[in-house]
PDB file of N, CA and C in Angstrom:
ATOM      1  N   MET A   1      15.055 -48.122 -33.634  1.00  0.00           N
ATOM      2  CA  MET A   1      16.088 -47.519 -34.453  1.00  0.00           C
ATOM      3  C   MET A   1      17.464 -47.957 -33.957  1.00  0.00           C
ATOM      4  N   ASP A   2      18.377 -47.684 -34.792  1.00  0.00           N
ATOM      5  CA  ASP A   2      19.756 -48.038 -34.483  1.00  0.00           C
ATOM      6  C   ASP A   2      20.297 -47.096 -33.407  1.00  0.00           C
ATOM      7  N   PRO A   3      20.910 -47.595 -32.341  1.00  0.00           N
ATOM      8  CA  PRO A   3      21.418 -46.725 -31.285  1.00  0.00           C
ATOM      9  C   PRO A   3      22.549 -45.798 -31.749  1.00  0.00           C
ATOM     10  N   GLU A   4      23.276 -46.218 -32.751  1.00  0.00           N
ATOM     11  CA  GLU A   4      24.343 -45.360 -33.267  1.00  0.00           C
ATOM     12  C   GLU A   4      23.769 -44.132 -33.960  1.00  0.00           C
ATOM     13  N   ILE A   5      22.685 -44.319 -34.672  1.00  0.00           N
ATOM     14  CA  ILE A   5      22.036 -43.189 -35.350  1.00  0.00           C
ATOM     15  C   ILE A   5      21.498 -42.203 -34.314  1.00  0.00           C
ATOM     16  N   GLU A   6      20.876 -42.724 -33.276  1.00  0.00           N
ATOM     17  CA  GLU A   6      20.374 -41.849 -32.214  1.00  0.00           C
ATOM     18  C   GLU A   6      21.523 -41.089 -31.549  1.00  0.00           C
ATOM     19  N   GLU A   7      22.627 -41.781 -31.351  1.00  0.00           N
ATOM     20  CA  GLU A   7      23.789 -41.132 -30.741  1.00  0.00           C
ATOM     21  C   GLU A   7      24.335 -40.036 -31.651  1.00  0.00           C
ATOM     22  N   LEU A   8      24.368 -40.303 -32.949  1.00  0.00           N
ATOM     23  CA  LEU A   8      24.831 -39.294 -33.906  1.00  0.00           C
ATOM     24  C   LEU A   8      23.887 -38.094 -33.953  1.00  0.00           C
ATOM     25  N   LYS A   9      22.582 -38.365 -33.870  1.00  0.00           N
ATOM     26  CA  LYS A   9      21.617 -37.256 -33.849  1.00  0.00           C
ATOM     27  C   LYS A   9      21.829 -36.383 -32.610  1.00  0.00           C
ATOM     28  N   GLU A  10      22.050 -37.023 -31.469  1.00  0.00           N
ATOM     29  CA  GLU A  10      22.279 -36.283 -30.236  1.00  0.00           C
ATOM     30  C   GLU A  10      23.577 -35.479 -30.316  1.00  0.00           C
ATOM     31  N   LEU A  11      24.601 -36.065 -30.899  1.00  0.00           N
ATOM     32  CA  LEU A  11      25.862 -35.336 -31.080  1.00  0.00           C
ATOM     33  C   LEU A  11      25.678 -34.139 -32.021  1.00  0.00           C
ATOM     34  N   ALA A  12      24.876 -34.315 -33.060  1.00  0.00           N
ATOM     35  CA  ALA A  12      24.610 -33.216 -33.990  1.00  0.00           C
ATOM     36  C   ALA A  12      23.853 -32.099 -33.294  1.00  0.00           C
ATOM     37  N   ARG A  13      22.875 -32.460 -32.433  1.00  0.00           N
ATOM     38  CA  ARG A  13      22.143 -31.432 -31.679  1.00  0.00           C
ATOM     39  C   ARG A  13      23.075 -30.693 -30.723  1.00  0.00           C
ATOM     40  N   ALA A  14      23.929 -31.446 -30.050  1.00  0.00           N
ATOM     41  CA  ALA A  14      24.878 -30.818 -29.120  1.00  0.00           C
ATOM     42  C   ALA A  14      25.823 -29.894 -29.871  1.00  0.00           C
ATOM     43  N   GLN A  15      26.295 -30.331 -31.027  1.00  0.00           N
ATOM     44  CA  GLN A  15      27.191 -29.495 -31.834  1.00  0.00           C
ATOM     45  C   GLN A  15      26.474 -28.227 -32.288  1.00  0.00           C
ATOM     46  N   SER A  16      25.209 -28.349 -32.629  1.00  0.00           N
ATOM     47  CA  SER A  16      24.426 -27.184 -33.051  1.00  0.00           C
ATOM     48  C   SER A  16      24.281 -26.192 -31.892  1.00  0.00           C
ATOM     49  N   ARG A  17      24.018 -26.690 -30.682  1.00  0.00           N
ATOM     50  CA  ARG A  17      23.908 -25.799 -29.518  1.00  0.00           C
ATOM     51  C   ARG A  17      25.240 -25.104 -29.238  1.00  0.00           C
ATOM     52  N   ILE A  18      26.323 -25.857 -29.346  1.00  0.00           N
ATOM     53  CA  ILE A  18      27.646 -25.274 -29.113  1.00  0.00           C
ATOM     54  C   ILE A  18      27.942 -24.196 -30.154  1.00  0.00           C
ATOM     55  N   ALA A  19      27.598 -24.449 -31.415  1.00  0.00           N
ATOM     56  CA  ALA A  19      27.822 -23.464 -32.482  1.00  0.00           C
ATOM     57  C   ALA A  19      26.993 -22.203 -32.234  1.00  0.00           C
ATOM     58  N   GLU A  20      25.746 -22.354 -31.792  1.00  0.00           N
ATOM     59  CA  GLU A  20      24.903 -21.196 -31.495  1.00  0.00           C
ATOM     60  C   GLU A  20      25.476 -20.381 -30.337  1.00  0.00           C
ATOM     61  N   ASP A  21      25.929 -21.075 -29.288  1.00  0.00           N
ATOM     62  CA  ASP A  21      26.529 -20.372 -28.149  1.00  0.00           C
ATOM     63  C   ASP A  21      27.800 -19.637 -28.561  1.00  0.00           C
ATOM     64  N   THR A  22      28.616 -20.283 -29.356  1.00  0.00           N
ATOM     65  CA  THR A  22      29.852 -19.660 -29.828  1.00  0.00           C
ATOM     66  C   THR A  22      29.535 -18.432 -30.671  1.00  0.00           C
ATOM     67  N   ASN A  23      28.553 -18.564 -31.537  1.00  0.00           N
ATOM     68  CA  ASN A  23      28.155 -17.437 -32.386  1.00  0.00           C
ATOM     69  C   ASN A  23      27.662 -16.267 -31.536  1.00  0.00           C
ATOM     70  N   ARG A  24      26.865 -16.562 -30.512  1.00  0.00           N
ATOM     71  CA  ARG A  24      26.353 -15.516 -29.626  1.00  0.00           C
ATOM     72  C   ARG A  24      27.503 -14.824 -28.899  1.00  0.00           C
ATOM     73  N   ILE A  25      28.461 -15.597 -28.415  1.00  0.00           N
ATOM     74  CA  ILE A  25      29.601 -15.028 -27.694  1.00  0.00           C
ATOM     75  C   ILE A  25      30.453 -14.164 -28.622  1.00  0.00           C
ATOM     76  N   VAL A  26      30.682 -14.633 -29.840  1.00  0.00           N
ATOM     77  CA  VAL A  26      31.477 -13.863 -30.801  1.00  0.00           C
ATOM     78  C   VAL A  26      30.785 -12.544 -31.122  1.00  0.00           C
ATOM     79  N   HIS A  27      29.472 -12.566 -31.276  1.00  0.00           N
ATOM     80  CA  HIS A  27      28.731 -11.331 -31.548  1.00  0.00           C
ATOM     81  C   HIS A  27      28.838 -10.368 -30.374  1.00  0.00           C
ATOM     82  N   LYS A  28      28.777 -10.881 -29.146  1.00  0.00           N
ATOM     83  CA  LYS A  28      28.932 -10.019 -27.969  1.00  0.00           C
ATOM     84  C   LYS A  28      30.321  -9.397 -27.927  1.00  0.00           C
ATOM     85  N   LEU A  29      31.322 -10.188 -28.230  1.00  0.00           N
ATOM     86  CA  LEU A  29      32.687  -9.664 -28.254  1.00  0.00           C
ATOM     87  C   LEU A  29      32.847  -8.584 -29.315  1.00  0.00           C
ATOM     88  N   HIS A  30      32.288  -8.841 -30.484  1.00  0.00           N
ATOM     89  CA  HIS A  30      32.368  -7.853 -31.568  1.00  0.00           C
ATOM     90  C   HIS A  30      31.673  -6.551 -31.165  1.00  0.00           C
ATOM     91  N   ARG A  31      30.511  -6.674 -30.559  1.00  0.00           N
ATOM     92  CA  ARG A  31      29.766  -5.498 -30.120  1.00  0.00           C
ATOM     93  C   ARG A  31      30.549  -4.753 -29.034  1.00  0.00           C
ATOM     94  N   GLY A  32      31.191  -5.497 -28.132  1.00  0.00           N
ATOM     95  CA  GLY A  32      31.992  -4.874 -27.080  1.00  0.00           C
ATOM     96  C   GLY A  32      33.180  -4.113 -27.646  1.00  0.00           C
ATOM     97  N   VAL A  33      33.824  -4.682 -28.649  1.00  0.00           N
ATOM     98  CA  VAL A  33      34.954  -3.998 -29.292  1.00  0.00           C
ATOM     99  C   VAL A  33      34.463  -2.733 -29.982  1.00  0.00           C
ATOM    100  N   TRP A  34      33.332  -2.816 -30.649  1.00  0.00           N
ATOM    101  CA  TRP A  34      32.781  -1.651 -31.357  1.00  0.00           C
ATOM    102  C   TRP A  34      32.482  -0.521 -30.375  1.00  0.00           C
ATOM    103  N   TRP A  35      31.786  -0.850 -29.271  1.00  0.00           N
ATOM    104  CA  TRP A  35      31.483   0.177 -28.283  1.00  0.00           C
ATOM    105  C   TRP A  35      32.757   0.703 -27.622  1.00  0.00           C
ATOM    106  N   GLY A  36      33.740  -0.150 -27.428  1.00  0.00           N
ATOM    107  CA  GLY A  36      35.014   0.290 -26.877  1.00  0.00           C
ATOM    108  C   GLY A  36      35.681   1.316 -27.774  1.00  0.00           C
ATOM    109  N   ARG A  37      35.640   1.097 -29.068  1.00  0.00           N
ATOM    110  CA  ARG A  37      36.215   2.067 -30.012  1.00  0.00           C
ATOM    111  C   ARG A  37      35.448   3.388 -29.975  1.00  0.00           C
ATOM    112  N   ILE A  38      34.133   3.303 -29.910  1.00  0.00           N
ATOM    113  CA  ILE A  38      33.320   4.532 -29.852  1.00  0.00           C
ATOM    114  C   ILE A  38      33.662   5.322 -28.589  1.00  0.00           C
ATOM    115  N   TRP A  39      33.701   4.649 -27.425  1.00  0.00           N
ATOM    116  CA  TRP A  39      34.007   5.347 -26.174  1.00  0.00           C
ATOM    117  C   TRP A  39      35.416   5.908 -26.177  1.00  0.00           C
ATOM    118  N   THR A  40      36.373   5.187 -26.772  1.00  0.00           N
ATOM    119  CA  THR A  40      37.739   5.699 -26.865  1.00  0.00           C
ATOM    120  C   THR A  40      37.770   6.956 -27.723  1.00  0.00           C
ATOM    121  N   LEU A  41      37.060   6.933 -28.838  1.00  0.00           N
ATOM    122  CA  LEU A  41      36.990   8.111 -29.708  1.00  0.00           C
ATOM    123  C   LEU A  41      36.363   9.288 -28.964  1.00  0.00           C
ATOM    124  N   LEU A  42      35.263   9.045 -28.259  1.00  0.00           N
ATOM    125  CA  LEU A  42      34.622  10.121 -27.491  1.00  0.00           C
ATOM    126  C   LEU A  42      35.538  10.624 -26.382  1.00  0.00           C
ATOM    127  N   TRP A  43      36.271   9.718 -25.727  1.00  0.00           N
ATOM    128  CA  TRP A  43      37.196  10.114 -24.660  1.00  0.00           C
ATOM    129  C   TRP A  43      38.269  11.059 -25.201  1.00  0.00           C
ATOM    130  N   TRP A  44      38.898  10.689 -26.316  1.00  0.00           N
ATOM    131  CA  TRP A  44      39.950  11.538 -26.865  1.00  0.00           C
ATOM    132  C   TRP A  44      39.384  12.847 -27.403  1.00  0.00           C
ATOM    133  N   ALA A  45      38.191  12.831 -27.949  1.00  0.00           N
ATOM    134  CA  ALA A  45      37.565  14.081 -28.389  1.00  0.00           C
ATOM    135  C   ALA A  45      37.329  14.995 -27.193  1.00  0.00           C
ATOM    136  N   ALA A  46      36.892  14.423 -26.069  1.00  0.00           N
ATOM    137  CA  ALA A  46      36.673  15.226 -24.863  1.00  0.00           C
ATOM    138  C   ALA A  46      37.996  15.760 -24.322  1.00  0.00           C
ATOM    139  N   VAL A  47      39.015  14.923 -24.284  1.00  0.00           N
ATOM    140  CA  VAL A  47      40.323  15.361 -23.775  1.00  0.00           C
ATOM    141  C   VAL A  47      40.871  16.484 -24.633  1.00  0.00           C
ATOM    142  N   LEU A  48      40.841  16.302 -25.948  1.00  0.00           N
ATOM    143  CA  LEU A  48      41.359  17.337 -26.838  1.00  0.00           C
ATOM    144  C   LEU A  48      40.485  18.585 -26.819  1.00  0.00           C
ATOM    145  N   GLY A  49      39.175  18.406 -26.730  1.00  0.00           N
ATOM    146  CA  GLY A  49      38.274  19.558 -26.671  1.00  0.00           C
ATOM    147  C   GLY A  49      38.470  20.362 -25.396  1.00  0.00           C
ATOM    148  N   ILE A  50      38.591  19.673 -24.267  1.00  0.00           N
ATOM    149  CA  ILE A  50      38.806  20.374 -23.000  1.00  0.00           C
ATOM    150  C   ILE A  50      40.166  21.055 -23.002  1.00  0.00           C
ATOM    151  N   GLY A  51      41.169  20.359 -23.548  1.00  0.00           N
ATOM    152  CA  GLY A  51      42.500  20.969 -23.642  1.00  0.00           C
ATOM    153  C   GLY A  51      42.496  22.209 -24.530  1.00  0.00           C
ATOM    154  N   GLY A  52      41.825  22.122 -25.661  1.00  0.00           N
ATOM    155  CA  GLY A  52      41.738  23.277 -26.570  1.00  0.00           C
ATOM    156  C   GLY A  52      40.972  24.427 -25.946  1.00  0.00           C
ATOM    157  N   ALA A  53      39.872  24.128 -25.278  1.00  0.00           N
ATOM    158  CA  ALA A  53      39.081  25.183 -24.629  1.00  0.00           C
ATOM    159  C   ALA A  53      39.867  25.829 -23.497  1.00  0.00           C
ATOM    160  N   THR A  54      40.606  25.010 -22.745  1.00  0.00           N
ATOM    161  CA  THR A  54      41.426  25.547 -21.657  1.00  0.00           C
ATOM    162  C   THR A  54      42.472  26.498 -22.213  1.00  0.00           C
ATOM    163  N   TYR A  55      43.123  26.082 -23.287  1.00  0.00           N
ATOM    164  CA  TYR A  55      44.115  26.964 -23.891  1.00  0.00           C
ATOM    165  C   TYR A  55      43.457  28.241 -24.388  1.00  0.00           C
ATOM    166  N   TYR A  56      42.364  28.116 -25.100  1.00  0.00           N
ATOM    167  CA  TYR A  56      41.734  29.283 -25.719  1.00  0.00           C
ATOM    168  C   TYR A  56      41.247  30.281 -24.672  1.00  0.00           C
ATOM    169  N   TYR A  57      40.635  29.803 -23.602  1.00  0.00           N
ATOM    170  CA  TYR A  57      40.039  30.715 -22.635  1.00  0.00           C
ATOM    171  C   TYR A  57      41.001  31.160 -21.539  1.00  0.00           C
ATOM    172  N   TYR A  58      41.952  30.314 -21.167  1.00  0.00           N
ATOM    173  CA  TYR A  58      42.795  30.645 -20.017  1.00  0.00           C
ATOM    174  C   TYR A  58      44.232  30.981 -20.386  1.00  0.00           C
ATOM    175  N   LEU A  59      44.802  30.285 -21.332  1.00  0.00           N
ATOM    176  CA  LEU A  59      46.210  30.497 -21.634  1.00  0.00           C
ATOM    177  C   LEU A  59      46.446  31.448 -22.799  1.00  0.00           C
ATOM    178  N   ALA A  60      45.533  31.537 -23.731  1.00  0.00           N
ATOM    179  CA  ALA A  60      45.723  32.365 -24.918  1.00  0.00           C
ATOM    180  C   ALA A  60      45.987  33.829 -24.566  1.00  0.00           C
ATOM    181  N   PRO A  61      45.283  34.430 -23.612  1.00  0.00           N
ATOM    182  CA  PRO A  61      45.599  35.828 -23.292  1.00  0.00           C
ATOM    183  C   PRO A  61      47.034  36.001 -22.792  1.00  0.00           C
ATOM    184  N   TYR A  62      47.525  35.063 -21.998  1.00  0.00           N
ATOM    185  CA  TYR A  62      48.895  35.152 -21.507  1.00  0.00           C
ATOM    186  C   TYR A  62      49.900  34.955 -22.634  1.00  0.00           C
ATOM    187  N   VAL A  63      49.604  34.035 -23.533  1.00  0.00           N
ATOM    188  CA  VAL A  63      50.487  33.817 -24.681  1.00  0.00           C
ATOM    189  C   VAL A  63      50.500  35.059 -25.558  1.00  0.00           C
ATOM    190  N   ASP A  64      49.369  35.690 -25.758  1.00  0.00           N
ATOM    191  CA  ASP A  64      49.308  36.925 -26.541  1.00  0.00           C
ATOM    192  C   ASP A  64      50.127  38.034 -25.876  1.00  0.00           C
ATOM    193  N   GLN A  65      50.035  38.143 -24.556  1.00  0.00           N
ATOM    194  CA  GLN A  65      50.834  39.153 -23.841  1.00  0.00           C
ATOM    195  C   GLN A  65      52.323  38.882 -23.987  1.00  0.00           C
ATOM    196  N   ILE A  66      52.724  37.645 -23.884  1.00  0.00           N
ATOM    197  CA  ILE A  66      54.139  37.298 -24.028  1.00  0.00           C
ATOM    198  C   ILE A  66      54.606  37.596 -25.452  1.00  0.00           C
ATOM    199  N   GLN A  67      53.777  37.305 -26.436  1.00  0.00           N
ATOM    200  CA  GLN A  67      54.141  37.607 -27.817  1.00  0.00           C
ATOM    201  C   GLN A  67      54.253  39.112 -28.023  1.00  0.00           C
ATOM    202  N   ALA A  68      53.359  39.872 -27.411  1.00  0.00           N
ATOM    203  CA  ALA A  68      53.426  41.328 -27.528  1.00  0.00           C
ATOM    204  C   ALA A  68      54.696  41.858 -26.866  1.00  0.00           C
ATOM    205  N   LEU A  69      55.044  41.346 -25.706  1.00  0.00           N
ATOM    206  CA  LEU A  69      56.276  41.765 -25.039  1.00  0.00           C
ATOM    207  C   LEU A  69      57.498  41.419 -25.886  1.00  0.00           C
ATOM    208  N   TYR A  70      57.498  40.242 -26.477  1.00  0.00           N
ATOM    209  CA  TYR A  70      58.606  39.836 -27.330  1.00  0.00           C
ATOM    210  C   TYR A  70      58.701  40.760 -28.542  1.00  0.00           C
ATOM    211  N   GLY A  71      57.551  41.089 -29.129  1.00  0.00           N
ATOM    212  CA  GLY A  71      57.552  42.014 -30.274  1.00  0.00           C
ATOM    213  C   GLY A  71      58.057  43.384 -29.878  1.00  0.00           C
ATOM    214  N   ASN A  72      57.652  43.876 -28.705  1.00  0.00           N
ATOM    215  CA  ASN A  72      58.128  45.177 -28.235  1.00  0.00           C
ATOM    216  C   ASN A  72      59.628  45.137 -27.969  1.00  0.00           C
ATOM    217  N   ALA A  73      60.102  44.093 -27.338  1.00  0.00           N
ATOM    218  CA  ALA A  73      61.534  43.966 -27.053  1.00  0.00           C
ATOM    219  C   ALA A  73      62.319  43.863 -28.355  1.00  0.00           C
ATOM    220  N   ARG A  74      61.797  43.166 -29.301  1.00  0.00           N
ATOM    221  CA  ARG A  74      62.473  43.037 -30.594  1.00  0.00           C
ATOM    222  C   ARG A  74      62.535  44.399 -31.284  1.00  0.00           C
ATOM    223  N   GLY A  75      61.451  45.146 -31.213  1.00  0.00           N
ATOM    224  CA  GLY A  75      61.427  46.492 -31.814  1.00  0.00           C
ATOM    225  C   GLY A  75      62.430  47.411 -31.129  1.00  0.00           C
ATOM    226  N   ILE A  76      62.537  47.325 -29.825  1.00  0.00           N
ATOM    227  CA  ILE A  76      63.488  48.174 -29.092  1.00  0.00           C
ATOM    228  C   ILE A  76      64.912  47.818 -29.486  1.00  0.00           C
ATOM    229  N   PHE A  77      65.218  46.541 -29.583  1.00  0.00           N
ATOM    230  CA  PHE A  77      66.570  46.129 -29.960  1.00  0.00           C
ATOM    231  C   PHE A  77      66.894  46.517 -31.407  1.00  0.00           C
ATOM    232  N   GLU A  78      65.898  46.500 -32.277  1.00  0.00           N
ATOM    233  CA  GLU A  78      66.144  46.922 -33.665  1.00  0.00           C
ATOM    234  C   GLU A  78      66.364  48.428 -33.734  1.00  0.00           C
ATOM    235  N   ASN A  79      65.747  49.182 -32.821  1.00  0.00           N
ATOM    236  CA  ASN A  79      65.967  50.631 -32.789  1.00  0.00           C
ATOM    237  C   ASN A  79      67.378  50.964 -32.351  1.00  0.00           C
ATOM    238  N   PHE A  80      67.992  50.125 -31.546  1.00  0.00           N
ATOM    239  CA  PHE A  80      69.360  50.360 -31.119  1.00  0.00           C
ATOM    240  C   PHE A  80      70.351  50.153 -32.252  1.00  0.00           C
ATOM    241  N   ARG A  81      70.011  49.384 -33.230  1.00  0.00           N
ATOM    242  CA  ARG A  81      70.914  49.137 -34.354  1.00  0.00           C
ATOM    243  C   ARG A  81      70.958  50.385 -35.153  1.00  0.00           C
TER     244      ARG A  81
END
């Protein structure tokens, strides 16, 4: 056979291997980005959930007491008018 044809066949095989490797790498990158988004979403859900639970269980009673004191003080000042 013609050596140029054999060389072209070998180049085509090499190009095919390179395309397959590139495709595999791109798929891995895409999958990594997808999982990164999922973990980021879960992270922020956990941060906001823990923050909300902390407020509800630990700070809400104090905020309610402060609001009650403010309401009582406001009522006392309105009675002076």
